[in-house]
């Protein structure tokens, strides 16, 4: 696993190719961050997903994820005191 990051005018692009020697599975994670928004694309030969994170305010972040399988989830992170609480809603599955 190797990660390369590029900073440009307050924005950041990160590329992280990964390979598991045990399972011989490979994928790549490409992320773009600008201000309060981050987009992360994870892609392998068999599956792809995109996660868009938006920092709503100082205490709340919302991150929907869409997968090539048709799965959708929404993650909500709320800062509480010195920590945080994260809830993920997956329709027709779980909260």
N, C-alpha and C. Protein backbone atom coordinates (compact mmCIF):
# COMPACT_ATOMS: atom_id res chain seq x y z
N UNK A 1 0.85 -1.18 0.00
CA UNK A 1 0.00 0.00 0.00
C UNK A 1 0.89 1.23 0.00
N UNK A 2 0.59 2.16 -0.87
CA UNK A 2 1.34 3.41 -0.96
C UNK A 2 0.34 4.53 -1.17
N UNK A 3 0.59 5.66 -0.54
CA UNK A 3 -0.31 6.79 -0.67
C UNK A 3 0.46 7.99 -1.19
N UNK A 4 -0.14 8.67 -2.17
CA UNK A 4 0.46 9.88 -2.72
C UNK A 4 -0.56 10.99 -2.61
N UNK A 5 -0.17 12.10 -2.03
CA UNK A 5 -1.07 13.24 -1.90
C UNK A 5 -0.51 14.44 -2.62
N UNK A 6 -1.40 15.22 -3.20
CA UNK A 6 -1.02 16.44 -3.91
C UNK A 6 -1.87 17.58 -3.37
N UNK A 7 -1.21 18.64 -2.90
CA UNK A 7 -1.91 19.82 -2.41
C UNK A 7 -1.83 20.91 -3.47
N UNK A 8 -2.98 21.59 -3.67
CA UNK A 8 -3.01 22.67 -4.66
C UNK A 8 -4.05 23.70 -4.23
N UNK A 9 -3.59 24.87 -3.86
CA UNK A 9 -4.47 25.99 -3.58
C UNK A 9 -5.54 25.65 -2.53
N UNK A 10 -5.15 24.97 -1.48
CA UNK A 10 -6.08 24.62 -0.41
C UNK A 10 -6.88 23.35 -0.65
N UNK A 11 -6.70 22.71 -1.77
CA UNK A 11 -7.38 21.45 -2.09
C UNK A 11 -6.38 20.31 -2.01
N UNK A 12 -6.86 19.10 -1.80
CA UNK A 12 -5.95 17.94 -1.71
C UNK A 12 -6.53 16.77 -2.50
N UNK A 13 -5.66 16.16 -3.30
CA UNK A 13 -5.99 14.93 -4.03
C UNK A 13 -5.07 13.85 -3.47
N UNK A 14 -5.66 12.70 -3.12
CA UNK A 14 -4.90 11.59 -2.58
C UNK A 14 -5.20 10.34 -3.41
N UNK A 15 -4.15 9.61 -3.78
CA UNK A 15 -4.30 8.36 -4.51
C UNK A 15 -3.64 7.27 -3.67
N UNK A 16 -4.41 6.18 -3.42
CA UNK A 16 -3.91 5.11 -2.58
C UNK A 16 -4.21 3.75 -3.22
N UNK A 17 -3.29 3.23 -4.05
CA UNK A 17 -3.49 1.87 -4.58
C UNK A 17 -3.18 0.85 -3.49
N UNK A 18 -4.01 -0.21 -3.43
CA UNK A 18 -3.82 -1.23 -2.38
C UNK A 18 -3.84 -2.62 -3.01
N UNK A 19 -3.04 -3.51 -2.41
CA UNK A 19 -2.98 -4.89 -2.87
C UNK A 19 -2.81 -5.80 -1.67
N UNK A 20 -3.66 -6.81 -1.55
CA UNK A 20 -3.59 -7.77 -0.46
C UNK A 20 -2.90 -9.03 -0.98
N UNK A 21 -1.72 -9.32 -0.46
CA UNK A 21 -0.96 -10.48 -0.91
C UNK A 21 -1.66 -11.80 -0.60
N UNK A 22 -2.38 -11.85 0.51
CA UNK A 22 -3.05 -13.09 0.90
C UNK A 22 -4.21 -13.44 -0.03
N UNK A 23 -5.03 -12.45 -0.35
CA UNK A 23 -6.22 -12.71 -1.18
C UNK A 23 -6.01 -12.36 -2.65
N UNK A 24 -4.89 -11.71 -2.95
CA UNK A 24 -4.56 -11.25 -4.30
C UNK A 24 -5.62 -10.29 -4.84
N UNK A 25 -6.24 -9.52 -3.94
CA UNK A 25 -7.23 -8.53 -4.34
C UNK A 25 -6.59 -7.16 -4.36
N UNK A 26 -6.96 -6.36 -5.35
CA UNK A 26 -6.41 -5.01 -5.50
C UNK A 26 -7.55 -4.02 -5.67
N UNK A 27 -7.32 -2.82 -5.16
CA UNK A 27 -8.23 -1.72 -5.42
C UNK A 27 -7.46 -0.41 -5.32
N UNK A 28 -8.14 0.68 -5.59
CA UNK A 28 -7.53 2.00 -5.47
C UNK A 28 -8.55 2.93 -4.83
N UNK A 29 -8.06 3.80 -3.97
CA UNK A 29 -8.90 4.81 -3.34
C UNK A 29 -8.37 6.17 -3.80
N UNK A 30 -9.24 6.95 -4.43
CA UNK A 30 -8.90 8.29 -4.88
C UNK A 30 -9.79 9.26 -4.11
N UNK A 31 -9.18 10.23 -3.44
CA UNK A 31 -9.94 11.18 -2.64
C UNK A 31 -9.61 12.60 -3.06
N UNK A 32 -10.63 13.46 -2.99
CA UNK A 32 -10.46 14.88 -3.28
C UNK A 32 -11.11 15.66 -2.15
N UNK A 33 -10.37 16.56 -1.52
CA UNK A 33 -10.90 17.36 -0.42
C UNK A 33 -10.75 18.83 -0.75
N UNK A 34 -11.83 19.57 -0.53
CA UNK A 34 -11.84 21.01 -0.76
C UNK A 34 -12.78 21.65 0.24
N UNK A 35 -12.24 22.45 1.13
CA UNK A 35 -13.08 23.10 2.14
C UNK A 35 -13.77 22.09 3.02
N UNK A 36 -15.10 22.17 3.09
CA UNK A 36 -15.88 21.29 3.94
C UNK A 36 -16.37 20.04 3.22
N UNK A 37 -15.90 19.80 2.00
CA UNK A 37 -16.39 18.68 1.20
C UNK A 37 -15.25 17.75 0.83
N UNK A 38 -15.53 16.44 0.90
CA UNK A 38 -14.56 15.43 0.47
C UNK A 38 -15.29 14.39 -0.37
N UNK A 39 -14.68 14.00 -1.47
CA UNK A 39 -15.21 12.95 -2.33
C UNK A 39 -14.19 11.83 -2.36
N UNK A 40 -14.66 10.59 -2.12
CA UNK A 40 -13.77 9.42 -2.10
C UNK A 40 -14.34 8.35 -3.01
N UNK A 41 -13.54 7.92 -3.99
CA UNK A 41 -13.93 6.86 -4.91
C UNK A 41 -13.05 5.65 -4.62
N UNK A 42 -13.68 4.50 -4.38
CA UNK A 42 -12.96 3.25 -4.17
C UNK A 42 -13.34 2.31 -5.30
N UNK A 43 -12.34 1.78 -5.98
CA UNK A 43 -12.64 0.94 -7.15
C UNK A 43 -11.72 -0.28 -7.19
N UNK A 44 -12.36 -1.43 -7.40
CA UNK A 44 -11.64 -2.66 -7.68
C UNK A 44 -12.21 -3.21 -8.98
N UNK A 45 -11.72 -4.36 -9.38
CA UNK A 45 -12.22 -4.97 -10.60
C UNK A 45 -13.72 -5.29 -10.49
N UNK A 46 -14.15 -5.69 -9.29
CA UNK A 46 -15.52 -6.16 -9.11
C UNK A 46 -16.49 -5.17 -8.48
N UNK A 47 -15.99 -4.15 -7.80
CA UNK A 47 -16.89 -3.25 -7.08
C UNK A 47 -16.33 -1.83 -7.06
N UNK A 48 -17.25 -0.88 -7.11
CA UNK A 48 -16.88 0.52 -7.05
C UNK A 48 -17.86 1.23 -6.10
N UNK A 49 -17.37 2.29 -5.45
CA UNK A 49 -18.25 3.09 -4.61
C UNK A 49 -17.75 4.52 -4.59
N UNK A 50 -18.68 5.42 -4.31
CA UNK A 50 -18.34 6.84 -4.15
C UNK A 50 -18.98 7.33 -2.86
N UNK A 51 -18.19 8.03 -2.06
CA UNK A 51 -18.64 8.59 -0.80
C UNK A 51 -18.41 10.09 -0.84
N UNK A 52 -19.45 10.86 -0.56
CA UNK A 52 -19.35 12.32 -0.56
C UNK A 52 -19.61 12.79 0.87
N UNK A 53 -18.62 13.41 1.48
CA UNK A 53 -18.76 13.89 2.85
C UNK A 53 -18.87 15.40 2.86
N UNK A 54 -19.84 15.89 3.63
CA UNK A 54 -20.03 17.32 3.76
C UNK A 54 -20.07 17.68 5.24
N UNK A 55 -19.16 18.56 5.65
CA UNK A 55 -19.17 19.07 7.02
C UNK A 55 -20.24 20.15 7.07
N UNK A 56 -21.36 19.87 7.75
CA UNK A 56 -22.50 20.78 7.78
C UNK A 56 -22.20 21.99 8.66
N UNK A 57 -21.70 21.74 9.85
CA UNK A 57 -21.29 22.79 10.78
C UNK A 57 -20.19 22.21 11.66
N UNK A 58 -19.84 22.89 12.73
CA UNK A 58 -18.74 22.41 13.57
C UNK A 58 -19.00 21.06 14.22
N UNK A 59 -20.27 20.69 14.39
CA UNK A 59 -20.61 19.45 15.09
C UNK A 59 -21.13 18.33 14.22
N UNK A 60 -21.51 18.60 12.98
CA UNK A 60 -22.20 17.59 12.17
C UNK A 60 -21.56 17.39 10.80
N UNK A 61 -21.42 16.11 10.43
CA UNK A 61 -20.93 15.72 9.10
C UNK A 61 -21.86 14.65 8.55
N UNK A 62 -22.24 14.79 7.27
CA UNK A 62 -23.11 13.82 6.61
C UNK A 62 -22.37 13.26 5.40
N UNK A 63 -22.45 11.92 5.23
CA UNK A 63 -21.71 11.25 4.16
C UNK A 63 -22.54 10.15 3.51
N UNK A 64 -23.20 10.45 2.38
CA UNK A 64 -23.87 9.37 1.65
C UNK A 64 -22.84 8.58 0.84
N UNK A 65 -23.09 7.27 0.70
CA UNK A 65 -22.23 6.39 -0.10
C UNK A 65 -23.10 5.62 -1.09
N UNK A 66 -22.68 5.61 -2.34
CA UNK A 66 -23.35 4.86 -3.39
C UNK A 66 -22.38 3.81 -3.92
N UNK A 67 -22.86 2.57 -4.07
CA UNK A 67 -22.01 1.47 -4.54
C UNK A 67 -22.52 0.95 -5.88
N UNK A 68 -21.63 0.37 -6.66
CA UNK A 68 -22.00 -0.18 -7.96
C UNK A 68 -22.99 -1.33 -7.83
N UNK A 69 -23.07 -1.93 -6.66
CA UNK A 69 -24.02 -3.02 -6.41
C UNK A 69 -25.44 -2.50 -6.23
N UNK A 70 -25.59 -1.18 -6.14
CA UNK A 70 -26.89 -0.59 -5.91
C UNK A 70 -27.13 -0.23 -4.45
N UNK A 71 -26.21 -0.61 -3.57
CA UNK A 71 -26.34 -0.29 -2.15
C UNK A 71 -26.15 1.20 -1.91
N UNK A 72 -26.93 1.72 -0.97
CA UNK A 72 -26.85 3.12 -0.58
C UNK A 72 -26.81 3.16 0.94
N UNK A 73 -25.98 4.04 1.49
CA UNK A 73 -25.98 4.26 2.93
C UNK A 73 -25.71 5.73 3.19
N UNK A 74 -26.12 6.19 4.37
CA UNK A 74 -25.86 7.56 4.78
C UNK A 74 -25.30 7.51 6.20
N UNK A 75 -24.15 8.13 6.36
CA UNK A 75 -23.49 8.17 7.66
C UNK A 75 -23.63 9.58 8.23
N UNK A 76 -23.95 9.68 9.51
CA UNK A 76 -24.04 10.97 10.19
C UNK A 76 -23.13 10.92 11.39
N UNK A 77 -22.20 11.86 11.46
CA UNK A 77 -21.29 11.95 12.60
C UNK A 77 -21.61 13.23 13.37
N UNK A 78 -21.80 13.10 14.66
CA UNK A 78 -22.11 14.24 15.54
C UNK A 78 -21.05 14.31 16.63
N UNK A 79 -20.37 15.44 16.72
CA UNK A 79 -19.39 15.62 17.79
C UNK A 79 -20.13 15.87 19.09
N UNK A 80 -19.68 15.15 20.13
CA UNK A 80 -20.28 15.26 21.46
C UNK A 80 -19.13 15.38 22.46
N UNK A 81 -19.01 16.52 23.09
CA UNK A 81 -17.93 16.72 24.05
C UNK A 81 -16.58 16.54 23.37
N UNK A 82 -15.74 15.68 23.94
CA UNK A 82 -14.42 15.42 23.37
C UNK A 82 -14.42 14.30 22.33
N UNK A 83 -15.57 13.64 22.12
CA UNK A 83 -15.65 12.52 21.19
C UNK A 83 -16.70 12.78 20.12
N UNK A 84 -17.18 11.70 19.54
CA UNK A 84 -18.22 11.80 18.52
C UNK A 84 -19.05 10.52 18.50
N UNK A 85 -20.24 10.64 17.93
CA UNK A 85 -21.13 9.51 17.73
C UNK A 85 -21.42 9.42 16.25
N UNK A 86 -21.30 8.22 15.68
CA UNK A 86 -21.55 8.02 14.25
C UNK A 86 -22.67 7.02 14.08
N UNK A 87 -23.63 7.39 13.26
CA UNK A 87 -24.75 6.50 12.93
C UNK A 87 -24.78 6.31 11.42
N UNK A 88 -24.94 5.07 10.98
CA UNK A 88 -25.05 4.78 9.56
C UNK A 88 -26.41 4.17 9.28
N UNK A 89 -27.13 4.76 8.33
CA UNK A 89 -28.43 4.26 7.92
C UNK A 89 -28.26 3.56 6.58
N UNK A 90 -28.65 2.30 6.52
CA UNK A 90 -28.62 1.53 5.29
C UNK A 90 -30.06 1.09 5.00
N UNK A 91 -30.73 1.69 4.00
CA UNK A 91 -32.14 1.34 3.74
C UNK A 91 -32.32 -0.16 3.55
N UNK A 92 -33.41 -0.67 4.08
CA UNK A 92 -33.77 -2.07 4.02
C UNK A 92 -32.77 -2.99 4.71
N UNK A 93 -31.88 -2.41 5.55
CA UNK A 93 -30.90 -3.24 6.23
C UNK A 93 -30.84 -2.90 7.72
N UNK A 94 -30.25 -1.75 8.05
CA UNK A 94 -30.03 -1.47 9.46
C UNK A 94 -29.82 0.01 9.71
N UNK A 95 -29.85 0.36 10.99
CA UNK A 95 -29.51 1.71 11.44
C UNK A 95 -28.42 1.57 12.47
